[in-house]
Amino acid sequence: MIGLEKTSTQEFVPIKEIRDGVVILNSGALRSVIIATSINFALKSNDEKRAILLQYQNFLNSLDFQIQILIQSRLLDINPYISILESNLAEQTNELLKIQITEYIGFIKQFVGEYNIMNKTFFIVVPYDPPIYKNKNSIFSKISLPGSKPLPSQESDDFEENKNQLEQRINVVAGGLSSIGIRTKKLETEELIELYFKIFNPGEKVTPTIQ
């Protein structure tokens, strides 16, 4: 019988840490995530459709780096909306409005029970892979000249420099999408943690809090 070793789920997550609105992968590469609005393309005229497609083509051709477009589809959670309606119902003194709110709540629950209402969210992942100047495991990195002093750690400075490079790419993407009429927003640390938690834990209802 072959024994199986228990492996932590964390070992399959390629993320080292998330800070300052930046995802740092185990490889040292940086990623930022932008949330974007959508366009109702079907309602546009033929001329508007052609203009949007042309602008989108120009946007893609202007990029000198890769991006990843992620579309997340999830069942719409109607419970918070139902809770608001029930709260309003409890505070309502008008009997006619009470009846109308009660019927409306029943209609919403029945409709959601019969049809799957999906909520689509659009994300764009912007990457930046810092150049590697030296191999820390190389034998030459361990040799020091007589009288030389060890250099101070550059990790913090490197992160800020790499983050600035990443921010420039984010501005390029945001500007290109803005020309098509798509609004964007960069996800911050708490939002990134919530996003990745839901991706790796799709069945969980509770998201972690920042300590």
Protein backbone atom coordinates (compact mmCIF):
# COMPACT_ATOMS: atom_id res chain seq x y z
CA MET A 1 0.00 0.00 0.00
CA ILE A 2 1.42 3.36 -1.04
CA GLY A 3 1.49 6.02 1.64
CA LEU A 4 0.38 9.48 0.61
CA GLU A 5 1.93 12.53 2.21
CA LYS A 6 -0.43 15.30 3.19
CA THR A 7 0.40 18.45 1.27
CA SER A 8 -0.68 21.89 2.37
CA THR A 9 -2.90 23.77 -0.06
CA GLN A 10 -0.60 26.76 0.39
CA GLU A 11 2.11 24.90 -1.53
CA PHE A 12 -0.03 25.01 -4.67
CA VAL A 13 -0.61 28.78 -4.44
CA PRO A 14 2.09 30.60 -6.44
CA ILE A 15 1.72 33.79 -4.36
CA LYS A 16 4.46 34.79 -1.94
CA GLU A 17 2.71 37.86 -0.52
CA ILE A 18 0.36 40.74 -1.32
CA ARG A 19 1.32 44.25 -0.29
CA ASP A 20 0.76 47.82 -1.45
CA GLY A 21 -1.81 46.59 -3.97
CA VAL A 22 0.74 44.32 -5.65
CA VAL A 23 0.79 40.53 -5.88
CA ILE A 24 4.30 39.14 -5.46
CA LEU A 25 4.71 35.65 -6.92
CA ASN A 26 7.11 33.02 -5.59
CA SER A 27 9.34 33.71 -8.60
CA GLY A 28 9.65 37.39 -7.63
CA ALA A 29 7.43 38.56 -10.49
CA LEU A 30 4.84 41.26 -9.78
CA ARG A 31 1.20 41.34 -10.77
CA SER A 32 -1.51 43.98 -10.46
CA VAL A 33 -5.19 43.37 -11.08
CA ILE A 34 -7.54 45.93 -12.62
CA ILE A 35 -11.31 45.63 -12.46
CA ALA A 36 -13.08 46.94 -15.56
CA THR A 37 -16.60 47.90 -16.54
CA SER A 38 -18.32 46.39 -19.56
CA ILE A 39 -19.91 47.74 -22.73
CA ASN A 40 -23.32 46.65 -24.02
CA PHE A 41 -21.98 45.98 -27.50
CA ALA A 42 -25.30 44.64 -28.81
CA LEU A 43 -27.03 47.99 -28.31
CA LYS A 44 -24.45 49.92 -30.31
CA SER A 45 -25.00 50.97 -33.90
CA ASN A 46 -22.92 49.39 -36.67
CA ASP A 47 -20.72 52.48 -36.91
CA GLU A 48 -20.18 52.49 -33.14
CA LYS A 49 -19.33 48.77 -33.20
CA ARG A 50 -16.73 49.29 -35.92
CA ALA A 51 -15.22 52.23 -34.03
CA ILE A 52 -15.01 50.22 -30.78
CA LEU A 53 -13.39 47.25 -32.53
CA LEU A 54 -10.87 49.52 -34.25
CA GLN A 55 -9.97 51.29 -31.00
CA TYR A 56 -9.66 47.95 -29.20
CA GLN A 57 -7.38 46.66 -31.96
CA ASN A 58 -5.22 49.76 -31.70
CA PHE A 59 -5.08 49.33 -27.91
CA LEU A 60 -3.85 45.73 -28.18
CA ASN A 61 -1.30 46.63 -30.85
CA SER A 62 0.06 49.45 -28.66
CA LEU A 63 1.00 47.08 -25.84
CA ASP A 64 4.59 45.87 -25.65
CA PHE A 65 3.81 43.48 -22.80
CA GLN A 66 1.31 40.71 -22.22
CA ILE A 67 -1.93 41.08 -20.28
CA GLN A 68 -4.40 38.50 -19.03
CA ILE A 69 -8.15 39.09 -19.25
CA LEU A 70 -10.22 37.21 -16.68
CA ILE A 71 -14.03 36.99 -16.73
CA GLN A 72 -15.48 35.73 -13.46
CA SER A 73 -19.07 34.45 -13.48
CA ARG A 74 -20.80 33.82 -10.19
CA LEU A 75 -24.34 33.31 -9.04
CA LEU A 76 -25.74 36.63 -7.87
CA ASP A 77 -26.25 36.64 -4.10
CA ILE A 78 -29.66 38.26 -3.63
CA ASN A 79 -29.78 37.78 0.15
CA PRO A 80 -28.40 41.26 1.06
CA TYR A 81 -31.07 42.87 -1.12
CA ILE A 82 -33.80 40.71 0.45
CA SER A 83 -32.56 41.70 3.91
CA ILE A 84 -32.90 45.40 3.03
CA LEU A 85 -36.44 44.86 1.78
CA GLU A 86 -37.40 42.91 4.91
CA SER A 87 -35.94 45.65 7.09
CA ASN A 88 -38.00 48.25 5.22
CA LEU A 89 -41.05 46.03 5.61
CA ALA A 90 -40.62 45.88 9.38
CA GLU A 91 -40.41 49.67 9.61
CA GLN A 92 -43.33 50.34 7.24
CA THR A 93 -46.57 51.63 8.80
CA ASN A 94 -48.62 51.92 5.62
CA GLU A 95 -50.61 48.69 5.19
CA LEU A 96 -50.83 49.01 1.41
CA LEU A 97 -47.05 49.44 1.11
CA LYS A 98 -46.58 46.46 3.43
CA ILE A 99 -48.60 44.29 1.07
CA GLN A 100 -46.71 45.54 -1.97
CA ILE A 101 -43.29 44.98 -0.38
CA THR A 102 -44.31 41.49 0.78
CA GLU A 103 -45.49 40.58 -2.73
CA TYR A 104 -42.32 42.02 -4.25
CA ILE A 105 -40.11 39.98 -1.89
CA GLY A 106 -42.06 36.85 -2.84
CA PHE A 107 -41.64 37.64 -6.54
CA ILE A 108 -37.87 38.15 -6.21
CA LYS A 109 -37.42 34.89 -4.27
CA GLN A 110 -39.49 32.93 -6.80
CA PHE A 111 -37.68 34.46 -9.78
CA VAL A 112 -34.23 33.75 -8.34
CA GLY A 113 -35.32 30.21 -7.46
CA GLU A 114 -36.38 29.49 -11.05
CA TYR A 115 -33.56 31.21 -12.92
CA ASN A 116 -29.81 31.37 -12.34
CA ILE A 117 -28.89 35.03 -12.29
CA MET A 118 -25.19 35.37 -13.01
CA ASN A 119 -22.98 38.29 -12.11
CA LYS A 120 -20.02 38.79 -14.45
CA THR A 121 -16.93 40.67 -13.34
CA PHE A 122 -14.10 41.60 -15.67
CA PHE A 123 -10.47 41.71 -14.50
CA ILE A 124 -7.20 42.49 -16.27
CA VAL A 125 -3.96 41.15 -14.87
CA VAL A 126 -0.97 43.39 -15.60
CA PRO A 127 2.44 41.71 -15.18
CA TYR A 128 5.95 42.90 -14.57
CA ASP A 129 8.87 40.48 -14.36
CA PRO A 130 11.92 42.23 -12.86
CA PRO A 131 15.18 41.58 -14.68
CA ILE A 132 17.61 39.26 -12.91
CA TYR A 133 21.05 40.82 -12.64
CA LYS A 134 22.75 38.11 -10.66
CA ASN A 135 22.15 34.65 -9.32
CA LYS A 136 22.22 34.73 -5.52
CA ASN A 137 23.19 31.04 -5.50
CA SER A 138 26.17 31.62 -7.76
CA ILE A 139 29.59 30.97 -6.23
CA PHE A 140 30.68 34.48 -7.33
CA SER A 141 27.97 36.09 -5.19
CA LYS A 142 29.56 34.53 -2.11
CA ILE A 143 33.07 35.89 -2.75
CA SER A 144 34.03 39.16 -1.04
CA LEU A 145 37.21 41.13 -1.56
CA PRO A 146 39.50 41.81 1.40
CA GLY A 147 38.41 44.89 3.31
CA SER A 148 35.08 45.15 1.49
CA LYS A 149 31.87 45.66 3.46
CA PRO A 150 28.65 43.80 2.69
CA LEU A 151 26.18 45.87 0.71
CA PRO A 152 22.93 46.82 2.45
CA SER A 153 19.80 44.97 1.44
CA GLN A 154 18.23 46.41 -1.70
CA GLU A 155 14.99 44.45 -1.43
CA SER A 156 12.87 47.44 -0.38
CA ASP A 157 14.38 49.75 -3.01
CA ASP A 158 13.99 47.07 -5.69
CA PHE A 159 10.33 46.60 -4.82
CA GLU A 160 9.57 50.30 -5.12
CA GLU A 161 11.41 50.53 -8.44
CA ASN A 162 9.64 47.48 -9.82
CA LYS A 163 6.32 48.75 -8.51
CA ASN A 164 6.84 52.03 -10.39
CA GLN A 165 7.47 50.07 -13.59
CA LEU A 166 4.26 48.14 -12.96
CA GLU A 167 2.32 51.35 -12.31
CA GLN A 168 3.41 52.69 -15.70
CA ARG A 169 1.99 49.61 -17.38
CA ILE A 170 -1.25 49.98 -15.43
CA ASN A 171 -1.58 53.56 -16.68
CA VAL A 172 -1.05 52.39 -20.27
CA VAL A 173 -3.79 49.77 -19.94
CA ALA A 174 -6.19 52.13 -18.16
CA GLY A 175 -5.64 54.84 -20.77
CA GLY A 176 -6.16 52.46 -23.67
CA LEU A 177 -9.39 51.07 -22.27
CA SER A 178 -10.63 54.55 -21.40
CA SER A 179 -10.54 55.45 -25.11
CA ILE A 180 -13.06 52.64 -25.70
CA GLY A 181 -15.35 53.87 -22.92
CA ILE A 182 -14.30 51.27 -20.34
CA ARG A 183 -13.66 52.53 -16.80
CA THR A 184 -11.03 50.77 -14.71
CA LYS A 185 -9.87 50.64 -11.11
CA LYS A 186 -6.76 49.04 -9.65
CA LEU A 187 -7.50 46.59 -6.85
CA GLU A 188 -5.86 47.39 -3.52
CA THR A 189 -4.45 44.91 -0.99
CA GLU A 190 -7.72 44.04 0.78
CA GLU A 191 -9.54 43.64 -2.53
CA LEU A 192 -6.79 41.42 -3.92
CA ILE A 193 -6.86 39.18 -0.85
CA GLU A 194 -10.63 38.81 -1.16
CA LEU A 195 -10.37 38.07 -4.90
CA TYR A 196 -7.70 35.38 -4.56
CA PHE A 197 -9.39 33.89 -1.49
CA LYS A 198 -12.58 33.39 -3.50
CA ILE A 199 -10.64 31.94 -6.44
CA PHE A 200 -8.83 29.34 -4.33
CA ASN A 201 -11.82 28.76 -2.01
CA PRO A 202 -14.87 28.87 -4.29
CA GLY A 203 -17.17 27.21 -1.77
CA GLU A 204 -16.37 29.51 1.15
CA LYS A 205 -18.85 32.23 2.09
CA VAL A 206 -16.59 34.10 4.52
CA THR A 207 -13.53 36.01 3.37
CA PRO A 208 -10.48 36.65 5.52
CA THR A 209 -9.93 39.97 7.27
CA ILE A 210 -6.71 41.97 7.36
CA GLN A 211 -5.01 41.74 10.74
